[in-house]
Amino acid sequence: MVLAVLGLVALWLLGAWVVLHDRVPPRIVLAVAALWATPFALAPPMLSQDAYAFLAQGAVTSHGNPYRPPAAVLGAGSPLLQAVDPLYRARVSPYGPLALRLFSACLAVSHGNAVVALICLRLVILLAIAVTAWCAWRLAPAGRRSLTLWMLLANPLVLLHLVGGLHLEAVLMAGLGVAWVLHTVGRTRWAVVVVLVAAAVKVTVLIALPVLLISALRRGGWRALAQHMIAGAAAALALACVLQPDPTGWWPAIPATLRVWNPVSLPTQAALVWSTLTHTSVLASLPVLRGAALALGVMAAAYLCLTASRRPPVTTAGYVLLASTLAGPALWPWYLVPAVACLLMTGGTTELVVAAAAGIAAVMSDLPMPVVQMQRVTALGDAGGLLLVTAALLVLRRRAGTTGRRSVDNLTVP
């Protein structure tokens, strides 16, 4: 498995070199990327059991209030419940009401057949990836469209964890792409609405909203910002009314996901190192290190927002998402997908390198291997990703210092 993933990563990088130097047209890139994705699209869910948990949560939704533990609703003898990771059988879903309606709809269309429901869910994921590809084609510079499409669609992170793993970050990625396309053509109000709709799938996408509002402020002033915020508030209220009976029932479940033991996250890696050096318990230092990492993430995001005029908004959003994800108490590879997608959509050399490095580190950190080896590989991947993000920020700062504080908000879409 490890050798297969390494081979996939090597071929992906080799393909990027061919696309860049041979000027491969986008239609060829799309065809080859589709061929690459076919085995993953035909396989059962891989590297995670989350897809089965999604269906179980959809079954709970069809029984009324969606925010109840699957074990309390489906019963211990349910085959669908048996497919769910035991860690999540007695937990309330942390996903938004729109996501749960999606899971319930997949079960309804399939008449309760889990296999058909998984196929329906995979079709939704593939559609979201296709929408993201269209957005990337619109946002990327004309000379780098083929490279951007290849780096996105043939990305091992996308193939393994979105096409193969069926994770909801595909929907978030598509929502962000549509929002940035709308923003670049002057439809910022609708962009805000799209981000809020995506937040009803998974709340983490809201991290990109301040960047969008800051860009709107620079373009149209305080009056335009107020109008966009009013439109967003109205959309959120309408969405809450539609997603009854319990549009806020997922909020209490979110903190529980942040307390899960996660060997991939930076705070956990730091706690493991500290406990090894001091011969103390990991659990003693973990809360402190989680708080420190969160503070660093907030500081990095604040710096990026304050210097947003130095780079395109979608680039700033990518770095903000990357910084906040790396600083979080829980980190799985697919959590990095929205950040990687935003960075790839810009087409910049620095962003392409950072996105590729983050994706490779994420893929290598979640391979099936003994726990000790996994933690070592994860530590190297996390440290490398953090160093690359720091280096990218320094490069961006130096570049901004030499070119002056020139606004790049008024980008035109080819």
Protein backbone atom coordinates (compact mmCIF):
# COMPACT_ATOMS: atom_id res chain seq x y z
CA MET A 1 0.00 0.00 0.00
CA VAL A 2 2.77 2.42 0.94
CA LEU A 3 4.69 1.68 -2.25
CA ALA A 4 1.52 2.07 -4.32
CA VAL A 5 0.80 5.51 -2.85
CA LEU A 6 4.42 6.57 -3.33
CA GLY A 7 4.19 5.48 -6.94
CA LEU A 8 0.96 7.44 -7.38
CA VAL A 9 2.58 10.56 -5.93
CA ALA A 10 5.64 10.16 -8.18
CA LEU A 11 3.52 9.73 -11.31
CA TRP A 12 1.40 12.75 -10.33
CA LEU A 13 4.49 14.94 -10.02
CA LEU A 14 5.88 13.55 -13.27
CA GLY A 15 2.57 14.32 -14.96
CA ALA A 16 2.73 17.88 -13.66
CA TRP A 17 6.19 18.29 -15.22
CA VAL A 18 4.92 16.95 -18.56
CA VAL A 19 1.86 19.22 -18.51
CA LEU A 20 4.01 22.25 -17.68
CA HIS A 21 6.76 21.69 -20.26
CA ASP A 22 4.77 20.17 -23.13
CA ARG A 23 1.82 22.59 -22.89
CA VAL A 24 -0.75 19.80 -22.76
CA PRO A 25 -4.24 21.18 -23.59
CA PRO A 26 -6.92 21.11 -20.87
CA ARG A 27 -9.09 18.53 -22.66
CA ILE A 28 -6.24 15.99 -22.58
CA VAL A 29 -5.62 16.73 -18.91
CA LEU A 30 -9.30 16.20 -18.12
CA ALA A 31 -9.36 12.90 -20.02
CA VAL A 32 -6.25 11.51 -18.30
CA ALA A 33 -7.42 12.70 -14.87
CA ALA A 34 -10.78 11.00 -15.43
CA LEU A 35 -8.98 7.74 -16.28
CA TRP A 36 -6.91 8.07 -13.12
CA ALA A 37 -10.02 8.60 -11.01
CA THR A 38 -11.95 5.64 -12.48
CA PRO A 39 -10.47 2.86 -10.27
CA PHE A 40 -11.11 4.94 -7.15
CA ALA A 41 -14.67 5.73 -8.28
CA LEU A 42 -15.43 2.03 -8.78
CA ALA A 43 -13.91 0.87 -5.49
CA PRO A 44 -15.71 0.68 -2.12
CA PRO A 45 -14.97 3.44 0.42
CA MET A 46 -11.28 3.34 1.32
CA LEU A 47 -9.00 4.49 4.15
CA SER A 48 -11.99 5.52 6.28
CA GLN A 49 -15.37 4.24 7.48
CA ASP A 50 -16.90 7.72 7.52
CA ALA A 51 -19.12 6.96 4.50
CA TYR A 52 -20.97 4.30 6.50
CA ALA A 53 -21.36 6.74 9.38
CA PHE A 54 -22.88 9.20 6.91
CA LEU A 55 -25.50 6.67 5.88
CA ALA A 56 -26.27 5.82 9.51
CA GLN A 57 -26.76 9.52 10.24
CA GLY A 58 -29.02 9.74 7.21
CA ALA A 59 -31.09 6.86 8.58
CA VAL A 60 -31.38 8.71 11.91
CA THR A 61 -32.54 11.81 10.02
CA SER A 62 -35.30 9.85 8.31
CA HIS A 63 -36.62 8.92 11.77
CA GLY A 64 -37.24 12.54 12.79
CA ASN A 65 -34.80 14.62 14.81
CA PRO A 66 -31.43 14.10 13.06
CA TYR A 67 -29.28 14.89 16.09
CA ARG A 68 -29.53 11.69 18.06
CA PRO A 69 -26.93 8.91 18.45
CA PRO A 70 -27.29 6.24 15.73
CA ALA A 71 -27.12 3.45 18.32
CA ALA A 72 -30.15 4.85 20.14
CA VAL A 73 -32.26 5.02 16.98
CA LEU A 74 -31.16 2.16 14.73
CA GLY A 75 -30.71 -0.51 17.37
CA ALA A 76 -27.74 -2.77 18.08
CA GLY A 77 -28.79 -5.28 15.43
CA SER A 78 -28.82 -2.84 12.53
CA PRO A 79 -26.41 -3.92 9.73
CA LEU A 80 -25.85 -0.27 8.90
CA LEU A 81 -24.84 0.49 12.48
CA GLN A 82 -22.42 -2.45 12.51
CA ALA A 83 -20.55 -0.88 9.58
CA VAL A 84 -19.97 2.34 11.53
CA ASP A 85 -16.79 2.84 13.52
CA PRO A 86 -17.61 2.02 17.19
CA LEU A 87 -16.25 5.45 18.17
CA TYR A 88 -19.14 7.18 16.38
CA ARG A 89 -22.06 4.83 17.06
CA ALA A 90 -23.10 6.59 20.26
CA ARG A 91 -22.22 10.14 19.19
CA VAL A 92 -24.39 12.86 17.75
CA SER A 93 -23.47 13.93 14.24
CA PRO A 94 -21.23 17.04 14.08
CA TYR A 95 -22.27 17.76 10.48
CA GLY A 96 -24.67 20.46 9.44
CA PRO A 97 -28.37 19.84 8.70
CA LEU A 98 -27.83 20.17 4.96
CA ALA A 99 -25.32 17.31 5.05
CA LEU A 100 -27.75 15.12 6.97
CA ARG A 101 -30.50 15.86 4.46
CA LEU A 102 -28.07 14.78 1.74
CA PHE A 103 -27.35 11.48 3.51
CA SER A 104 -31.07 10.88 4.04
CA ALA A 105 -31.79 11.65 0.38
CA CYS A 106 -29.19 9.09 -0.76
CA LEU A 107 -30.90 6.44 1.36
CA ALA A 108 -34.35 7.48 0.12
CA VAL A 109 -33.32 7.27 -3.53
CA SER A 110 -31.78 3.85 -2.95
CA HIS A 111 -34.84 2.60 -0.98
CA GLY A 112 -32.57 1.72 1.95
CA ASN A 113 -29.99 -0.22 -0.09
CA ALA A 114 -26.63 0.77 1.40
CA VAL A 115 -24.64 -0.07 -1.73
CA VAL A 116 -26.85 2.05 -3.98
CA ALA A 117 -26.80 4.83 -1.37
CA LEU A 118 -22.99 4.82 -1.43
CA ILE A 119 -23.10 5.07 -5.23
CA CYS A 120 -25.43 8.06 -4.96
CA LEU A 121 -23.11 9.71 -2.44
CA ARG A 122 -20.13 9.09 -4.70
CA LEU A 123 -21.97 10.70 -7.62
CA VAL A 124 -22.50 13.79 -5.44
CA ILE A 125 -18.78 13.85 -4.61
CA LEU A 126 -17.82 13.50 -8.28
CA LEU A 127 -20.20 16.29 -9.23
CA ALA A 128 -18.65 18.52 -6.57
CA ILE A 129 -15.18 17.78 -7.94
CA ALA A 130 -16.36 18.59 -11.46
CA VAL A 131 -17.76 21.93 -10.25
CA THR A 132 -14.46 22.67 -8.55
CA ALA A 133 -12.58 21.89 -11.76
CA TRP A 134 -14.74 24.39 -13.66
CA CYS A 135 -14.12 27.03 -11.00
CA ALA A 136 -10.38 26.36 -11.10
CA TRP A 137 -10.41 26.76 -14.89
CA ARG A 138 -12.13 30.13 -14.49
CA LEU A 139 -9.88 31.41 -11.73
CA ALA A 140 -6.47 30.17 -12.85
CA PRO A 141 -4.28 32.26 -15.20
CA ALA A 142 -4.82 31.34 -18.85
CA GLY A 143 -1.29 30.00 -19.24
CA ARG A 144 -1.59 27.66 -16.26
CA ARG A 145 -5.06 26.23 -16.62
CA SER A 146 -3.85 22.79 -17.67
CA LEU A 147 -1.35 22.59 -14.82
CA THR A 148 -3.96 23.75 -12.30
CA LEU A 149 -6.47 21.16 -13.48
CA TRP A 150 -3.88 18.40 -13.31
CA MET A 151 -2.66 19.37 -9.85
CA LEU A 152 -6.25 19.39 -8.61
CA LEU A 153 -7.99 16.50 -10.35
CA ALA A 154 -5.13 13.98 -10.35
CA ASN A 155 -4.03 14.95 -6.85
CA PRO A 156 -3.55 11.81 -4.70
CA LEU A 157 -5.26 13.63 -1.82
CA VAL A 158 -8.37 14.12 -3.97
CA LEU A 159 -8.29 10.63 -5.48
CA LEU A 160 -7.75 8.75 -2.22
CA HIS A 161 -9.83 10.76 0.23
CA LEU A 162 -12.55 12.38 -1.87
CA VAL A 163 -13.19 10.03 -4.79
CA GLY A 164 -12.18 6.99 -2.75
CA GLY A 165 -13.03 8.08 0.80
CA LEU A 166 -16.25 9.99 0.04
CA HIS A 167 -15.57 12.88 2.37
CA LEU A 168 -17.67 16.03 2.52
CA GLU A 169 -14.69 18.31 1.91
CA ALA A 170 -15.49 17.84 -1.79
CA VAL A 171 -18.71 19.80 -1.26
CA LEU A 172 -16.86 22.48 0.72
CA MET A 173 -14.24 22.72 -2.02
CA ALA A 174 -16.92 23.21 -4.65
CA GLY A 175 -18.73 25.80 -2.54
CA LEU A 176 -15.55 27.83 -2.08
CA GLY A 177 -14.80 27.64 -5.79
CA VAL A 178 -18.26 28.88 -6.75
CA ALA A 179 -18.04 31.64 -4.13
CA TRP A 180 -14.74 32.96 -5.50
CA VAL A 181 -15.99 32.87 -9.08
CA LEU A 182 -19.06 34.85 -8.03
CA HIS A 183 -16.87 37.30 -6.13
CA THR A 184 -14.58 37.93 -9.10
CA VAL A 185 -17.55 38.80 -11.34
CA GLY A 186 -19.02 41.22 -8.80
CA ARG A 187 -21.65 38.95 -7.23
CA THR A 188 -20.27 39.07 -3.71
CA ARG A 189 -23.68 38.85 -2.04
CA TRP A 190 -24.33 35.54 -3.70
CA ALA A 191 -20.79 34.45 -2.82
CA VAL A 192 -21.55 35.08 0.86
CA VAL A 193 -24.77 33.09 0.51
CA VAL A 194 -22.91 30.16 -1.08
CA VAL A 195 -20.37 30.07 1.76
CA LEU A 196 -23.18 30.06 4.33
CA VAL A 197 -24.94 27.23 2.49
CA ALA A 198 -21.68 25.28 2.47
CA ALA A 199 -21.36 25.95 6.22
CA ALA A 200 -24.66 24.12 6.67
CA VAL A 201 -22.74 21.07 5.43
CA LYS A 202 -19.66 21.56 7.59
CA VAL A 203 -19.02 24.62 9.71
CA THR A 204 -15.26 24.80 9.11
CA VAL A 205 -15.81 26.49 5.73
CA LEU A 206 -16.77 29.67 7.60
CA ILE A 207 -13.05 30.29 8.14
CA ALA A 208 -12.92 31.64 4.58
CA LEU A 209 -15.78 34.11 5.12
CA PRO A 210 -13.72 36.91 6.76
CA VAL A 211 -11.39 36.93 3.75
CA LEU A 212 -14.36 37.33 1.43
CA LEU A 213 -15.80 40.16 3.52
CA ILE A 214 -12.43 41.95 3.73
CA SER A 215 -12.14 41.81 -0.05
CA ALA A 216 -15.70 43.14 -0.37
CA LEU A 217 -14.80 46.00 1.98
CA ARG A 218 -11.78 46.95 -0.11
CA ARG A 219 -13.83 46.91 -3.28
CA GLY A 220 -17.01 48.68 -2.26
CA GLY A 221 -16.47 50.25 1.16
CA TRP A 222 -18.48 49.91 4.35
CA ARG A 223 -21.85 50.34 2.65
CA ALA A 224 -21.27 47.43 0.31
CA LEU A 225 -19.97 45.34 3.19
CA ALA A 226 -23.11 46.04 5.21
CA GLN A 227 -25.30 45.06 2.26
CA HIS A 228 -23.43 41.79 1.81
CA MET A 229 -23.70 40.98 5.50
CA ILE A 230 -27.44 41.72 5.53
CA ALA A 231 -27.91 39.48 2.51
CA GLY A 232 -25.91 36.74 4.21
CA ALA A 233 -27.91 37.06 7.43
CA ALA A 234 -31.17 36.83 5.49
CA ALA A 235 -29.91 33.75 3.67
CA ALA A 236 -28.84 32.14 6.96
CA LEU A 237 -32.26 32.82 8.48
CA ALA A 238 -34.05 31.39 5.45
CA LEU A 239 -31.81 28.35 5.50
CA ALA A 240 -32.50 27.78 9.20
CA CYS A 241 -36.23 27.88 8.50
CA VAL A 242 -35.92 25.37 5.67
CA LEU A 243 -33.69 22.99 7.62
CA GLN A 244 -36.10 22.36 10.45
CA PRO A 245 -36.80 20.67 12.84
CA ASP A 246 -33.43 21.34 14.47
CA PRO A 247 -31.10 23.58 12.41
CA THR A 248 -28.80 24.22 15.38
CA GLY A 249 -28.78 20.74 16.91
CA TRP A 250 -25.28 20.05 15.64
CA TRP A 251 -23.62 22.90 17.57
CA PRO A 252 -23.31 20.99 20.90
CA ALA A 253 -21.70 18.08 19.05
CA ILE A 254 -18.88 20.14 17.54
CA PRO A 255 -16.77 20.52 20.74
CA ALA A 256 -16.80 16.74 21.22
CA THR A 257 -14.99 16.29 17.88
CA LEU A 258 -12.21 18.59 19.10
CA ARG A 259 -11.47 16.36 22.10
CA VAL A 260 -10.91 13.20 20.07
CA TRP A 261 -7.42 11.70 20.31
CA ASN A 262 -5.82 12.44 16.96
CA PRO A 263 -2.22 11.29 16.39
CA VAL A 264 -1.95 13.27 13.14
CA SER A 265 -2.49 16.77 14.53
CA LEU A 266 0.39 19.11 15.35
CA PRO A 267 -0.58 19.57 19.04
CA THR A 268 -0.72 15.81 19.56
CA GLN A 269 2.64 15.34 17.86
CA ALA A 270 4.14 18.04 20.08
CA ALA A 271 2.63 16.39 23.16
CA LEU A 272 4.11 13.03 22.16
CA VAL A 273 7.56 14.56 21.75
CA TRP A 274 7.29 16.46 25.04
CA SER A 275 6.14 13.39 26.98
CA THR A 276 9.06 11.41 25.54
CA LEU A 277 11.59 14.04 26.59
CA THR A 278 10.13 14.67 30.06
CA HIS A 279 8.79 11.16 30.82
CA THR A 280 5.38 12.60 31.65
CA SER A 281 1.86 11.77 30.52
CA VAL A 282 0.80 12.92 27.08
CA LEU A 283 -2.62 13.90 28.40
CA ALA A 284 -1.06 16.34 30.88
CA SER A 285 0.50 18.58 28.24
CA LEU A 286 -2.01 18.08 25.44
CA PRO A 287 -4.59 20.74 26.52
CA VAL A 288 -1.85 23.37 26.89
CA LEU A 289 -0.31 22.56 23.52
CA ARG A 290 -3.72 22.55 21.86
CA GLY A 291 -4.37 26.03 23.24
CA ALA A 292 -0.95 27.25 22.09
CA ALA A 293 -1.44 25.83 18.60
CA LEU A 294 -4.87 27.42 18.38
CA ALA A 295 -3.45 30.79 19.44
CA LEU A 296 -0.72 30.53 16.80
CA GLY A 297 -3.30 29.62 14.18
CA VAL A 298 -5.45 32.63 15.09
CA MET A 299 -2.39 34.91 14.95
CA ALA A 300 -1.40 33.55 11.54
CA ALA A 301 -4.94 33.95 10.20
CA ALA A 302 -5.14 37.50 11.57
CA TYR A 303 -1.83 38.42 9.92
CA LEU A 304 -3.00 37.01 6.61
CA CYS A 305 -6.26 38.95 6.80
CA LEU A 306 -4.50 42.20 7.73
CA THR A 307 -2.15 41.82 4.76
CA ALA A 308 -4.85 40.60 2.38
CA SER A 309 -4.24 43.47 -0.05
CA ARG A 310 -0.89 41.95 -0.99
CA ARG A 311 -2.32 38.90 -2.72
CA PRO A 312 -5.49 37.67 -4.48
CA PRO A 313 -8.38 36.89 -2.09
CA VAL A 314 -8.47 33.22 -3.03
CA THR A 315 -4.76 32.95 -2.16
CA THR A 316 -5.35 34.54 1.23
CA ALA A 317 -8.27 32.18 1.85
CA GLY A 318 -6.07 29.20 1.01
CA TYR A 319 -3.38 30.22 3.48
CA VAL A 320 -5.93 31.06 6.18
CA LEU A 321 -7.58 27.66 5.76
CA LEU A 322 -4.19 25.94 5.80
CA ALA A 323 -3.00 27.75 8.93
CA SER A 324 -6.24 27.14 10.83
CA THR A 325 -6.38 23.48 9.82
CA LEU A 326 -2.79 22.77 10.86
CA ALA A 327 -3.38 24.53 14.19
CA GLY A 328 -6.55 22.60 14.99
CA PRO A 329 -6.77 19.89 17.66
CA ALA A 330 -7.87 17.32 15.09
CA LEU A 331 -6.32 16.86 11.67
CA TRP A 332 -7.16 14.23 9.10
CA PRO A 333 -5.76 14.40 5.55
CA TRP A 334 -9.05 15.38 3.92
CA TYR A 335 -9.31 18.41 6.22
CA LEU A 336 -6.61 20.04 4.07
CA VAL A 337 -8.55 19.69 0.82
CA PRO A 338 -10.30 23.13 0.86
CA ALA A 339 -7.00 24.89 1.59
CA VAL A 340 -5.15 22.95 -1.11
CA ALA A 341 -7.92 23.67 -3.64
CA CYS A 342 -7.88 27.42 -2.96
CA LEU A 343 -4.10 27.56 -3.30
CA LEU A 344 -4.18 25.59 -6.55
CA MET A 345 -6.87 27.83 -8.05
CA THR A 346 -4.52 30.83 -8.00
CA GLY A 347 -1.99 29.20 -10.30
CA GLY A 348 0.95 30.91 -8.57
CA THR A 349 4.24 29.03 -8.34
CA THR A 350 4.59 29.43 -4.59
CA GLU A 351 1.00 28.34 -4.01
CA LEU A 352 1.37 25.32 -6.27
CA VAL A 353 4.45 24.18 -4.37
CA VAL A 354 2.85 24.69 -0.96
CA ALA A 355 -0.36 22.94 -2.05
CA ALA A 356 1.58 20.00 -3.49
CA ALA A 357 3.72 19.65 -0.37
CA ALA A 358 0.71 19.86 1.94
CA GLY A 359 -1.16 17.27 -0.11
CA ILE A 360 1.75 14.83 -0.19
CA ALA A 361 2.39 15.19 3.55
CA ALA A 362 -1.31 14.64 4.24
CA VAL A 363 -1.48 11.52 2.08
CA MET A 364 1.63 10.00 3.64
CA SER A 365 0.40 10.70 7.19
CA ASP A 366 -2.64 8.43 6.88
CA LEU A 367 -1.23 5.29 5.35
CA PRO A 368 -1.99 1.94 7.03
CA MET A 369 1.17 1.17 9.00
CA PRO A 370 2.15 0.34 12.60
CA VAL A 371 1.32 3.08 15.08
CA VAL A 372 4.94 3.97 15.85
CA GLN A 373 5.84 4.31 12.18
CA MET A 374 2.65 6.26 11.51
CA GLN A 375 3.50 8.74 14.22
CA ARG A 376 7.02 9.18 12.89
CA VAL A 377 5.84 9.74 9.31
CA THR A 378 3.10 12.04 10.56
CA ALA A 379 5.57 14.08 12.60
CA LEU A 380 7.81 14.54 9.56
CA GLY A 381 4.85 15.45 7.38
CA ASP A 382 3.43 17.92 9.88
CA ALA A 383 6.80 19.54 10.51
CA GLY A 384 7.50 19.79 6.80
CA GLY A 385 4.08 21.30 6.14
CA LEU A 386 4.55 23.86 8.91
CA LEU A 387 8.00 24.83 7.62
CA LEU A 388 6.68 25.18 4.08
CA VAL A 389 3.81 27.40 5.19
CA THR A 390 6.23 29.59 7.18
CA ALA A 391 8.58 29.83 4.20
CA ALA A 392 5.71 30.71 1.90
CA LEU A 393 4.56 33.49 4.23
CA LEU A 394 8.10 34.91 4.32
CA VAL A 395 8.34 34.78 0.52
CA LEU A 396 4.99 36.49 0.17
CA ARG A 397 6.01 39.17 2.65
CA ARG A 398 9.28 39.87 0.82
CA ARG A 399 7.50 39.95 -2.53
CA ALA A 400 4.89 42.34 -1.17
CA GLY A 401 7.64 44.57 0.28
CA THR A 402 9.38 44.89 -3.07
CA THR A 403 6.29 45.51 -5.16
CA GLY A 404 4.52 47.81 -2.71
CA ARG A 405 1.09 47.60 -1.21
CA ARG A 406 -0.70 47.11 -4.48
CA SER A 407 -4.27 45.83 -4.31
CA VAL A 408 -5.01 42.72 -6.36
CA ASP A 409 -8.69 42.45 -5.54
CA ASN A 410 -9.84 43.70 -8.93
CA LEU A 411 -8.87 40.57 -10.81
CA THR A 412 -10.62 39.82 -14.04
CA VAL A 413 -11.84 36.38 -14.99
CA PRO A 414 -10.69 35.16 -18.40
